PDB file of N, CA and C in Angstrom:
ATOM      1  N   THR A   1      91.449 -42.366 146.309  1.00  0.00           N
ATOM      2  CA  THR A   1      92.246 -41.048 146.678  1.00  0.00           C
ATOM      3  C   THR A   1      92.604 -40.959 144.638  1.00  0.00           C
ATOM      4  N   VAL A   2      92.670 -39.417 144.744  1.00  0.00           N
ATOM      5  CA  VAL A   2      93.109 -39.451 143.838  1.00  0.00           C
ATOM      6  C   VAL A   2      94.295 -39.658 143.598  1.00  0.00           C
ATOM      7  N   PHE A   3      95.594 -39.678 144.859  1.00  0.00           N
ATOM      8  CA  PHE A   3      96.832 -40.561 144.347  1.00  0.00           C
ATOM      9  C   PHE A   3      96.821 -41.880 144.312  1.00  0.00           C
ATOM     10  N   SER A   4      95.684 -43.082 144.814  1.00  0.00           N
ATOM     11  CA  SER A   4      95.846 -43.898 144.346  1.00  0.00           C
ATOM     12  C   SER A   4      95.326 -44.158 142.786  1.00  0.00           C
ATOM     13  N   ASN A   5      94.359 -43.642 142.604  1.00  0.00           N
ATOM     14  CA  ASN A   5      93.594 -42.782 141.053  1.00  0.00           C
ATOM     15  C   ASN A   5      94.721 -42.714 140.036  1.00  0.00           C
ATOM     16  N   ALA A   6      95.795 -41.923 139.979  1.00  0.00           N
ATOM     17  CA  ALA A   6      97.506 -41.652 139.584  1.00  0.00           C
ATOM     18  C   ALA A   6      97.929 -43.010 139.093  1.00  0.00           C
ATOM     19  N   ALA A   7      98.377 -43.250 141.078  1.00  0.00           N
ATOM     20  CA  ALA A   7      99.476 -44.338 140.810  1.00  0.00           C
ATOM     21  C   ALA A   7      98.724 -45.463 139.590  1.00  0.00           C
ATOM     22  N   LEU A   8      97.765 -46.055 139.916  1.00  0.00           N
ATOM     23  CA  LEU A   8      96.742 -46.723 138.310  1.00  0.00           C
ATOM     24  C   LEU A   8      97.023 -47.011 137.462  1.00  0.00           C
ATOM     25  N   ASN A   9      96.855 -45.422 137.032  1.00  0.00           N
ATOM     26  CA  ASN A   9      96.810 -45.235 135.625  1.00  0.00           C
ATOM     27  C   ASN A   9      98.567 -45.007 135.294  1.00  0.00           C
ATOM     28  N   LEU A  10      98.925 -44.728 136.252  1.00  0.00           N
ATOM     29  CA  LEU A  10     100.610 -44.638 135.611  1.00  0.00           C
ATOM     30  C   LEU A  10     101.229 -46.181 135.795  1.00  0.00           C
ATOM     31  N   GLY A  11     100.909 -46.946 136.179  1.00  0.00           N
ATOM     32  CA  GLY A  11     101.043 -48.829 135.872  1.00  0.00           C
ATOM     33  C   GLY A  11     100.418 -48.735 134.348  1.00  0.00           C
ATOM     34  N   GLU A  12      98.906 -48.652 134.870  1.00  0.00           N
ATOM     35  CA  GLU A  12      98.065 -48.759 133.175  1.00  0.00           C
ATOM     36  C   GLU A  12      99.392 -48.311 131.606  1.00  0.00           C
ATOM     37  N   GLN A  13      99.994 -46.938 132.267  1.00  0.00           N
ATOM     38  CA  GLN A  13     100.504 -46.384 131.628  1.00  0.00           C
ATOM     39  C   GLN A  13     101.709 -47.336 131.066  1.00  0.00           C
ATOM     40  N   MET A  14     102.381 -47.935 131.700  1.00  0.00           N
ATOM     41  CA  MET A  14     103.844 -48.766 131.920  1.00  0.00           C
ATOM     42  C   MET A  14     103.777 -50.324 131.044  1.00  0.00           C
ATOM     43  N   VAL A  15     102.104 -50.448 131.114  1.00  0.00           N
ATOM     44  CA  VAL A  15     102.678 -51.865 130.664  1.00  0.00           C
ATOM     45  C   VAL A  15     101.199 -51.968 129.383  1.00  0.00           C
ATOM     46  N   GLU A  16     100.830 -50.625 128.962  1.00  0.00           N
ATOM     47  CA  GLU A  16     100.478 -49.793 127.328  1.00  0.00           C
ATOM     48  C   GLU A  16     102.212 -49.989 127.122  1.00  0.00           C
ATOM     49  N   ARG A  17     103.228 -49.540 127.022  1.00  0.00           N
ATOM     50  CA  ARG A  17     104.537 -48.925 126.622  1.00  0.00           C
ATOM     51  C   ARG A  17     105.114 -49.992 127.154  1.00  0.00           C
ATOM     52  N   LYS A  18     105.371 -51.261 127.451  1.00  0.00           N
ATOM     53  CA  LYS A  18     106.053 -52.284 128.260  1.00  0.00           C
ATOM     54  C   LYS A  18     107.072 -51.928 128.664  1.00  0.00           C
ATOM     55  N   ILE A  19     106.640 -50.879 129.729  1.00  0.00           N
ATOM     56  CA  ILE A  19     107.812 -50.813 130.312  1.00  0.00           C
ATOM     57  C   ILE A  19     108.090 -51.389 132.043  1.00  0.00           C
ATOM     58  N   ASP A  20     109.128 -52.347 132.347  1.00  0.00           N
ATOM     59  CA  ASP A  20     109.074 -52.807 133.292  1.00  0.00           C
ATOM     60  C   ASP A  20     109.910 -51.677 134.018  1.00  0.00           C
ATOM     61  N   LEU A  21     109.235 -52.533 135.950  1.00  0.00           N
ATOM     62  CA  LEU A  21     109.789 -51.717 136.975  1.00  0.00           C
ATOM     63  C   LEU A  21     110.608 -52.073 137.655  1.00  0.00           C
ATOM     64  N   ILE A  22     111.107 -51.364 138.517  1.00  0.00           N
ATOM     65  CA  ILE A  22     112.330 -51.374 139.279  1.00  0.00           C
ATOM     66  C   ILE A  22     112.128 -50.322 140.182  1.00  0.00           C
ATOM     67  N   TYR A  23     111.442 -50.863 141.994  1.00  0.00           N
ATOM     68  CA  TYR A  23     110.762 -50.001 142.961  1.00  0.00           C
ATOM     69  C   TYR A  23     111.050 -51.021 144.382  1.00  0.00           C
ATOM     70  N   GLY A  24     110.713 -49.329 145.569  1.00  0.00           N
ATOM     71  CA  GLY A  24     111.053 -50.350 146.746  1.00  0.00           C
ATOM     72  C   GLY A  24     111.041 -51.621 147.670  1.00  0.00           C
ATOM     73  N   GLY A  25     110.217 -52.434 146.290  1.00  0.00           N
ATOM     74  CA  GLY A  25     110.093 -53.457 147.079  1.00  0.00           C
ATOM     75  C   GLY A  25     108.540 -53.750 147.953  1.00  0.00           C
ATOM     76  N   GLY A  26     108.411 -52.634 148.176  1.00  0.00           N
ATOM     77  CA  GLY A  26     107.481 -53.181 148.887  1.00  0.00           C
ATOM     78  C   GLY A  26     105.875 -53.238 148.510  1.00  0.00           C
ATOM     79  N   SER A  27     105.162 -54.136 149.067  1.00  0.00           N
ATOM     80  CA  SER A  27     103.838 -54.419 148.628  1.00  0.00           C
ATOM     81  C   SER A  27     102.275 -53.204 149.087  1.00  0.00           C
ATOM     82  N   VAL A  28     102.892 -52.284 150.034  1.00  0.00           N
ATOM     83  CA  VAL A  28     101.157 -51.758 150.080  1.00  0.00           C
ATOM     84  C   VAL A  28     101.684 -49.971 149.677  1.00  0.00           C
ATOM     85  N   GLY A  29     100.906 -49.579 149.858  1.00  0.00           N
ATOM     86  CA  GLY A  29     101.143 -47.853 149.143  1.00  0.00           C
ATOM     87  C   GLY A  29     100.811 -47.684 147.761  1.00  0.00           C
ATOM     88  N   LEU A  30     101.043 -46.267 146.965  1.00  0.00           N
ATOM     89  CA  LEU A  30     100.604 -46.255 145.957  1.00  0.00           C
ATOM     90  C   LEU A  30     101.930 -47.371 145.289  1.00  0.00           C
ATOM     91  N   MET A  31     103.624 -47.045 145.776  1.00  0.00           N
ATOM     92  CA  MET A  31     104.178 -48.554 144.793  1.00  0.00           C
ATOM     93  C   MET A  31     103.231 -50.232 144.772  1.00  0.00           C
ATOM     94  N   GLY A  32     102.973 -49.492 146.095  1.00  0.00           N
ATOM     95  CA  GLY A  32     102.512 -51.986 146.291  1.00  0.00           C
ATOM     96  C   GLY A  32     101.129 -51.751 144.644  1.00  0.00           C
ATOM     97  N   LEU A  33     100.072 -50.566 144.521  1.00  0.00           N
ATOM     98  CA  LEU A  33      99.301 -50.727 144.000  1.00  0.00           C
ATOM     99  C   LEU A  33     100.471 -50.422 141.931  1.00  0.00           C
ATOM    100  N   ILE A  34     100.658 -49.857 142.071  1.00  0.00           N
ATOM    101  CA  ILE A  34     101.806 -49.795 140.690  1.00  0.00           C
ATOM    102  C   ILE A  34     102.538 -51.032 140.806  1.00  0.00           C
ATOM    103  N   SER A  35     102.715 -51.924 141.169  1.00  0.00           N
ATOM    104  CA  SER A  35     103.653 -53.272 141.691  1.00  0.00           C
ATOM    105  C   SER A  35     103.079 -53.601 141.126  1.00  0.00           C
ATOM    106  N   ARG A  36     102.105 -53.474 141.635  1.00  0.00           N
ATOM    107  CA  ARG A  36     100.903 -55.173 141.455  1.00  0.00           C
ATOM    108  C   ARG A  36     100.283 -54.647 139.385  1.00  0.00           C
ATOM    109  N   THR A  37     100.243 -53.995 139.292  1.00  0.00           N
ATOM    110  CA  THR A  37      99.591 -53.160 138.103  1.00  0.00           C
ATOM    111  C   THR A  37     100.608 -53.713 137.329  1.00  0.00           C
ATOM    112  N   VAL A  38     101.157 -53.437 136.913  1.00  0.00           N
ATOM    113  CA  VAL A  38     102.815 -53.884 136.188  1.00  0.00           C
ATOM    114  C   VAL A  38     102.956 -55.242 136.320  1.00  0.00           C
ATOM    115  N   PHE A  39     103.011 -55.858 136.570  1.00  0.00           N
ATOM    116  CA  PHE A  39     102.945 -56.992 137.630  1.00  0.00           C
ATOM    117  C   PHE A  39     102.176 -57.961 137.053  1.00  0.00           C
ATOM    118  N   ASN A  40     100.440 -57.960 137.175  1.00  0.00           N
ATOM    119  CA  ASN A  40      99.467 -58.468 136.029  1.00  0.00           C
ATOM    120  C   ASN A  40      99.680 -57.811 135.035  1.00  0.00           C
ATOM    121  N   GLY A  41     100.117 -57.291 134.242  1.00  0.00           N
ATOM    122  CA  GLY A  41      99.708 -56.448 132.848  1.00  0.00           C
ATOM    123  C   GLY A  41     101.075 -57.270 132.101  1.00  0.00           C
ATOM    124  N   GLY A  42     101.777 -57.745 132.551  1.00  0.00           N
ATOM    125  CA  GLY A  42     102.845 -59.021 132.247  1.00  0.00           C
ATOM    126  C   GLY A  42     104.123 -58.123 132.381  1.00  0.00           C
ATOM    127  N   CYS A  43     104.945 -57.570 132.566  1.00  0.00           N
ATOM    128  CA  CYS A  43     106.273 -56.368 132.048  1.00  0.00           C
ATOM    129  C   CYS A  43     106.752 -57.300 133.227  1.00  0.00           C
ATOM    130  N   HIS A  44     107.581 -56.878 134.051  1.00  0.00           N
ATOM    131  CA  HIS A  44     108.960 -56.976 134.552  1.00  0.00           C
ATOM    132  C   HIS A  44     108.882 -56.255 136.124  1.00  0.00           C
ATOM    133  N   VAL A  45     108.269 -57.188 137.120  1.00  0.00           N
ATOM    134  CA  VAL A  45     108.433 -55.778 138.436  1.00  0.00           C
ATOM    135  C   VAL A  45     110.131 -56.863 138.825  1.00  0.00           C
ATOM    136  N   ILE A  46     110.782 -56.239 139.502  1.00  0.00           N
ATOM    137  CA  ILE A  46     112.045 -55.623 140.301  1.00  0.00           C
ATOM    138  C   ILE A  46     111.517 -55.510 141.060  1.00  0.00           C
ATOM    139  N   GLY A  47     111.618 -56.056 142.626  1.00  0.00           N
ATOM    140  CA  GLY A  47     111.176 -54.931 144.192  1.00  0.00           C
ATOM    141  C   GLY A  47     112.603 -54.796 144.787  1.00  0.00           C
ATOM    142  N   VAL A  48     114.220 -53.689 145.452  1.00  0.00           N
ATOM    143  CA  VAL A  48     114.557 -53.952 145.622  1.00  0.00           C
ATOM    144  C   VAL A  48     114.689 -53.569 147.305  1.00  0.00           C
ATOM    145  N   ILE A  49     114.833 -54.253 148.838  1.00  0.00           N
ATOM    146  CA  ILE A  49     113.953 -54.037 149.789  1.00  0.00           C
ATOM    147  C   ILE A  49     115.145 -54.116 150.845  1.00  0.00           C
ATOM    148  N   PRO A  50     116.067 -53.587 151.615  1.00  0.00           N
ATOM    149  CA  PRO A  50     116.401 -54.096 152.377  1.00  0.00           C
ATOM    150  C   PRO A  50     115.951 -54.722 153.677  1.00  0.00           C
ATOM    151  N   ARG A  51     116.768 -56.116 154.311  1.00  0.00           N
ATOM    152  CA  ARG A  51     116.193 -56.712 155.511  1.00  0.00           C
ATOM    153  C   ARG A  51     115.397 -55.777 156.585  1.00  0.00           C
ATOM    154  N   ALA A  52     116.094 -55.164 156.630  1.00  0.00           N
ATOM    155  CA  ALA A  52     115.669 -54.508 158.465  1.00  0.00           C
ATOM    156  C   ALA A  52     113.811 -53.418 157.654  1.00  0.00           C
ATOM    157  N   LEU A  53     113.641 -52.943 156.807  1.00  0.00           N
ATOM    158  CA  LEU A  53     112.653 -53.106 156.567  1.00  0.00           C
ATOM    159  C   LEU A  53     110.863 -53.774 155.779  1.00  0.00           C
ATOM    160  N   MET A  54     111.382 -54.775 155.694  1.00  0.00           N
ATOM    161  CA  MET A  54     111.018 -56.385 155.417  1.00  0.00           C
ATOM    162  C   MET A  54     109.362 -56.302 155.649  1.00  0.00           C
ATOM    163  N   PRO A  55     109.938 -56.189 157.431  1.00  0.00           N
ATOM    164  CA  PRO A  55     108.606 -57.014 157.983  1.00  0.00           C
ATOM    165  C   PRO A  55     107.341 -55.158 158.493  1.00  0.00           C
ATOM    166  N   GLN A  56     107.806 -54.077 157.699  1.00  0.00           N
ATOM    167  CA  GLN A  56     107.323 -52.386 157.075  1.00  0.00           C
ATOM    168  C   GLN A  56     106.920 -53.093 156.173  1.00  0.00           C
ATOM    169  N   GLU A  57     106.781 -52.832 155.171  1.00  0.00           N
ATOM    170  CA  GLU A  57     106.988 -52.402 154.025  1.00  0.00           C
ATOM    171  C   GLU A  57     106.068 -54.175 153.107  1.00  0.00           C
ATOM    172  N   ILE A  58     106.995 -54.795 152.938  1.00  0.00           N
ATOM    173  CA  ILE A  58     106.152 -56.344 152.866  1.00  0.00           C
ATOM    174  C   ILE A  58     105.052 -56.574 153.779  1.00  0.00           C
ATOM    175  N   SER A  59     103.666 -57.133 153.274  1.00  0.00           N
ATOM    176  CA  SER A  59     102.500 -57.147 154.203  1.00  0.00           C
ATOM    177  C   SER A  59     101.703 -57.817 152.585  1.00  0.00           C
ATOM    178  N   GLY A  60     101.286 -59.313 152.831  1.00  0.00           N
ATOM    179  CA  GLY A  60     101.001 -60.512 152.064  1.00  0.00           C
ATOM    180  C   GLY A  60     101.690 -60.330 151.320  1.00  0.00           C
ATOM    181  N   GLU A  61     101.681 -60.874 149.418  1.00  0.00           N
ATOM    182  CA  GLU A  61     102.183 -61.673 149.262  1.00  0.00           C
ATOM    183  C   GLU A  61     102.671 -60.093 147.872  1.00  0.00           C
ATOM    184  N   THR A  62     104.272 -60.683 147.931  1.00  0.00           N
ATOM    185  CA  THR A  62     104.885 -59.865 146.898  1.00  0.00           C
ATOM    186  C   THR A  62     104.666 -60.116 145.149  1.00  0.00           C
ATOM    187  N   VAL A  63     105.162 -59.149 144.639  1.00  0.00           N
ATOM    188  CA  VAL A  63     104.765 -59.953 142.878  1.00  0.00           C
ATOM    189  C   VAL A  63     106.724 -59.418 142.469  1.00  0.00           C
ATOM    190  N   GLY A  64     106.687 -60.138 141.491  1.00  0.00           N
ATOM    191  CA  GLY A  64     107.880 -59.936 140.428  1.00  0.00           C
ATOM    192  C   GLY A  64     108.964 -60.749 140.874  1.00  0.00           C
ATOM    193  N   GLU A  65     109.938 -59.843 140.810  1.00  0.00           N
ATOM    194  CA  GLU A  65     111.822 -61.323 141.877  1.00  0.00           C
ATOM    195  C   GLU A  65     111.281 -59.720 142.621  1.00  0.00           C
ATOM    196  N   VAL A  66     111.827 -60.013 143.949  1.00  0.00           N
ATOM    197  CA  VAL A  66     112.746 -59.530 145.455  1.00  0.00           C
ATOM    198  C   VAL A  66     113.698 -59.598 145.693  1.00  0.00           C
ATOM    199  N   ARG A  67     114.621 -58.790 145.416  1.00  0.00           N
ATOM    200  CA  ARG A  67     116.187 -58.691 145.724  1.00  0.00           C
ATOM    201  C   ARG A  67     116.361 -58.375 147.321  1.00  0.00           C
ATOM    202  N   VAL A  68     116.585 -58.606 148.172  1.00  0.00           N
ATOM    203  CA  VAL A  68     117.287 -58.449 149.498  1.00  0.00           C
ATOM    204  C   VAL A  68     118.682 -57.646 149.427  1.00  0.00           C
ATOM    205  N   VAL A  69     118.755 -57.206 150.134  1.00  0.00           N
ATOM    206  CA  VAL A  69     120.074 -56.361 150.077  1.00  0.00           C
ATOM    207  C   VAL A  69     120.118 -55.830 151.621  1.00  0.00           C
ATOM    208  N   ASP A  70     121.481 -55.709 151.650  1.00  0.00           N
ATOM    209  CA  ASP A  70     121.876 -55.429 153.897  1.00  0.00           C
ATOM    210  C   ASP A  70     121.122 -53.381 154.348  1.00  0.00           C
ATOM    211  N   ASP A  71     121.086 -52.402 153.367  1.00  0.00           N
ATOM    212  CA  ASP A  71     120.589 -51.496 153.649  1.00  0.00           C
ATOM    213  C   ASP A  71     120.269 -50.510 152.576  1.00  0.00           C
ATOM    214  N   MET A  72     120.208 -49.336 153.104  1.00  0.00           N
ATOM    215  CA  MET A  72     119.920 -48.314 152.064  1.00  0.00           C
ATOM    216  C   MET A  72     120.155 -47.712 150.890  1.00  0.00           C
ATOM    217  N   HIS A  73     121.977 -47.706 151.348  1.00  0.00           N
ATOM    218  CA  HIS A  73     123.076 -47.297 150.322  1.00  0.00           C
ATOM    219  C   HIS A  73     122.822 -48.505 149.174  1.00  0.00           C
ATOM    220  N   GLU A  74     123.062 -49.516 149.778  1.00  0.00           N
ATOM    221  CA  GLU A  74     122.447 -51.095 148.759  1.00  0.00           C
ATOM    222  C   GLU A  74     121.741 -51.068 147.806  1.00  0.00           C
ATOM    223  N   ARG A  75     119.866 -50.202 147.988  1.00  0.00           N
ATOM    224  CA  ARG A  75     119.694 -50.592 148.199  1.00  0.00           C
ATOM    225  C   ARG A  75     118.954 -48.948 146.411  1.00  0.00           C
ATOM    226  N   LYS A  76     119.530 -48.083 146.658  1.00  0.00           N
ATOM    227  CA  LYS A  76     119.557 -46.812 145.866  1.00  0.00           C
ATOM    228  C   LYS A  76     120.721 -47.454 144.944  1.00  0.00           C
ATOM    229  N   ALA A  77     121.961 -48.037 145.256  1.00  0.00           N
ATOM    230  CA  ALA A  77     122.963 -47.993 144.421  1.00  0.00           C
ATOM    231  C   ALA A  77     122.633 -49.133 143.362  1.00  0.00           C
ATOM    232  N   GLU A  78     121.627 -50.373 143.698  1.00  0.00           N
ATOM    233  CA  GLU A  78     120.991 -51.810 143.100  1.00  0.00           C
ATOM    234  C   GLU A  78     119.866 -50.941 142.070  1.00  0.00           C
ATOM    235  N   MET A  79     118.873 -50.306 142.034  1.00  0.00           N
ATOM    236  CA  MET A  79     117.580 -49.814 141.420  1.00  0.00           C
ATOM    237  C   MET A  79     118.826 -48.643 140.329  1.00  0.00           C
ATOM    238  N   ALA A  80     119.553 -47.659 140.794  1.00  0.00           N
ATOM    239  CA  ALA A  80     120.582 -46.923 140.385  1.00  0.00           C
ATOM    240  C   ALA A  80     121.260 -48.014 138.492  1.00  0.00           C
ATOM    241  N   ARG A  81     121.785 -48.909 138.857  1.00  0.00           N
ATOM    242  CA  ARG A  81     122.354 -49.476 138.130  1.00  0.00           C
ATOM    243  C   ARG A  81     120.389 -50.055 137.164  1.00  0.00           C
ATOM    244  N   GLN A  82     119.995 -50.022 137.512  1.00  0.00           N
ATOM    245  CA  GLN A  82     118.594 -51.649 136.657  1.00  0.00           C
ATOM    246  C   GLN A  82     118.033 -49.897 136.282  1.00  0.00           C
ATOM    247  N   ALA A  83     117.702 -49.211 137.012  1.00  0.00           N
ATOM    248  CA  ALA A  83     116.812 -47.744 136.090  1.00  0.00           C
ATOM    249  C   ALA A  83     117.069 -47.896 134.855  1.00  0.00           C
ATOM    250  N   ASP A  84     116.453 -47.196 134.033  1.00  0.00           N
ATOM    251  CA  ASP A  84     116.805 -46.509 133.142  1.00  0.00           C
ATOM    252  C   ASP A  84     115.990 -44.690 133.349  1.00  0.00           C
ATOM    253  N   ALA A  85     115.474 -44.789 134.035  1.00  0.00           N
ATOM    254  CA  ALA A  85     114.929 -43.232 134.516  1.00  0.00           C
ATOM    255  C   ALA A  85     114.350 -43.317 136.023  1.00  0.00           C
ATOM    256  N   PHE A  86     113.332 -42.729 136.585  1.00  0.00           N
ATOM    257  CA  PHE A  86     113.172 -42.380 137.428  1.00  0.00           C
ATOM    258  C   PHE A  86     111.537 -41.891 137.646  1.00  0.00           C
ATOM    259  N   ILE A  87     110.618 -42.462 138.669  1.00  0.00           N
ATOM    260  CA  ILE A  87     109.149 -41.918 139.105  1.00  0.00           C
ATOM    261  C   ILE A  87     109.187 -41.307 140.909  1.00  0.00           C
ATOM    262  N   ALA A  88     109.520 -40.095 141.249  1.00  0.00           N
ATOM    263  CA  ALA A  88     108.953 -39.985 142.674  1.00  0.00           C
ATOM    264  C   ALA A  88     107.426 -40.229 143.052  1.00  0.00           C
ATOM    265  N   LEU A  89     107.057 -40.689 143.407  1.00  0.00           N
ATOM    266  CA  LEU A  89     105.363 -40.314 144.403  1.00  0.00           C
ATOM    267  C   LEU A  89     105.933 -39.975 145.782  1.00  0.00           C
ATOM    268  N   PRO A  90     104.443 -39.840 146.427  1.00  0.00           N
ATOM    269  CA  PRO A  90     104.743 -39.774 148.034  1.00  0.00           C
ATOM    270  C   PRO A  90     104.331 -40.371 148.948  1.00  0.00           C
ATOM    271  N   GLY A  91     104.519 -40.529 149.752  1.00  0.00           N
ATOM    272  CA  GLY A  91     104.562 -41.584 150.143  1.00  0.00           C
ATOM    273  C   GLY A  91     103.235 -41.138 151.126  1.00  0.00           C
ATOM    274  N   GLY A  92     103.472 -43.259 152.364  1.00  0.00           N
ATOM    275  CA  GLY A  92     102.155 -42.784 153.301  1.00  0.00           C
ATOM    276  C   GLY A  92     100.678 -42.723 152.443  1.00  0.00           C
ATOM    277  N   TYR A  93      99.927 -43.278 150.988  1.00  0.00           N
ATOM    278  CA  TYR A  93      99.295 -43.145 151.257  1.00  0.00           C
ATOM    279  C   TYR A  93      98.164 -44.485 150.073  1.00  0.00           C
TER     280      TYR A  93
END
Protein backbone atom coordinates (compact mmCIF):
# COMPACT_ATOMS: atom_id res chain seq x y z
CA THR A 1 0.00 0.00 0.00
CA VAL A 2 0.99 3.63 -0.25
CA PHE A 3 1.22 3.76 3.56
CA SER A 4 3.57 0.76 3.70
CA ASN A 5 5.80 2.28 1.02
CA ALA A 6 5.92 5.58 2.90
CA ALA A 7 6.76 3.76 6.16
CA LEU A 8 9.60 1.84 4.50
CA ASN A 9 10.91 5.07 2.99
CA LEU A 10 10.80 6.77 6.39
CA GLY A 11 12.77 3.90 7.94
CA GLU A 12 15.36 4.07 5.15
CA GLN A 13 15.70 7.83 5.60
CA MET A 14 16.22 7.39 9.33
CA VAL A 15 18.98 4.84 8.68
CA GLU A 16 20.62 7.10 6.10
CA ARG A 17 20.69 9.91 8.68
CA LYS A 18 21.68 7.56 11.54
CA ILE A 19 18.54 8.39 13.53
CA ASP A 20 17.60 5.92 16.27
CA LEU A 21 13.97 4.95 16.90
CA ILE A 22 11.89 5.14 20.07
CA TYR A 23 8.41 3.76 19.38
CA GLY A 24 5.39 2.02 20.87
CA GLY A 25 6.98 -1.43 20.77
CA GLY A 26 4.61 -3.29 18.46
CA SER A 27 5.86 -5.68 15.79
CA VAL A 28 2.86 -5.30 13.48
CA GLY A 29 1.63 -2.59 11.12
CA LEU A 30 3.51 0.45 9.87
CA MET A 31 5.59 0.83 13.01
CA GLY A 32 6.61 -2.81 12.76
CA LEU A 33 7.88 -2.10 9.23
CA ILE A 34 9.75 0.99 10.35
CA SER A 35 11.27 -0.67 13.42
CA ARG A 36 12.60 -3.62 11.37
CA THR A 37 13.99 -1.29 8.69
CA VAL A 38 15.75 0.93 11.24
CA PHE A 39 17.08 -2.03 13.23
CA ASN A 40 18.28 -3.92 10.14
CA GLY A 41 19.99 -0.71 9.01
CA GLY A 42 22.13 -0.71 12.14
CA CYS A 43 20.41 1.96 14.21
CA HIS A 44 19.26 1.53 17.81
CA VAL A 45 15.58 0.68 18.36
CA ILE A 46 13.74 0.97 21.69
CA GLY A 47 10.12 -0.19 21.92
CA VAL A 48 8.03 0.90 24.91
CA ILE A 49 4.90 -1.17 25.44
CA PRO A 50 2.35 -1.57 28.24
CA ARG A 51 2.19 -5.12 29.56
CA ALA A 52 -1.54 -5.37 28.72
CA LEU A 53 -0.94 -4.63 25.02
CA MET A 54 1.82 -7.17 24.47
CA PRO A 55 -0.49 -9.96 23.21
CA GLN A 56 -2.19 -7.68 20.65
CA GLU A 57 0.77 -5.61 19.44
CA ILE A 58 3.60 -8.12 19.46
CA SER A 59 3.28 -10.95 17.00
CA GLY A 60 6.45 -12.83 16.24
CA GLU A 61 9.95 -11.59 16.84
CA THR A 62 10.65 -8.17 18.31
CA VAL A 63 13.63 -6.04 17.32
CA GLY A 64 15.97 -4.00 19.45
CA GLU A 65 15.28 -3.30 23.09
CA VAL A 66 11.76 -3.77 24.47
CA ARG A 67 10.82 -1.91 27.66
CA VAL A 68 7.64 -3.15 29.31
CA VAL A 69 5.73 -0.54 31.35
CA ASP A 70 2.57 -0.65 33.45
CA ASP A 71 0.24 1.61 31.46
CA MET A 72 -0.21 4.05 28.58
CA HIS A 73 0.69 7.05 30.74
CA GLU A 74 4.04 5.50 31.62
CA ARG A 75 4.56 4.54 27.96
CA LYS A 76 4.03 8.08 26.74
CA ALA A 77 6.21 9.54 29.49
CA GLU A 78 9.08 7.14 28.73
CA MET A 79 8.86 7.80 25.01
CA ALA A 80 8.87 11.57 25.63
CA ARG A 81 11.92 11.25 27.90
CA GLN A 82 13.86 9.34 25.25
CA ALA A 83 12.81 11.20 22.08
CA ASP A 84 14.09 14.33 20.38
CA ALA A 85 11.18 14.53 17.92
CA PHE A 86 7.84 12.84 17.17
CA ILE A 87 6.24 11.43 14.01
CA ALA A 88 2.63 10.21 13.98
CA LEU A 89 1.43 7.63 11.45
CA PRO A 90 -2.02 6.22 10.71
CA GLY A 91 -2.83 3.01 12.59
CA GLY A 92 -4.43 -0.18 11.38
CA TYR A 93 -2.38 -0.70 8.20
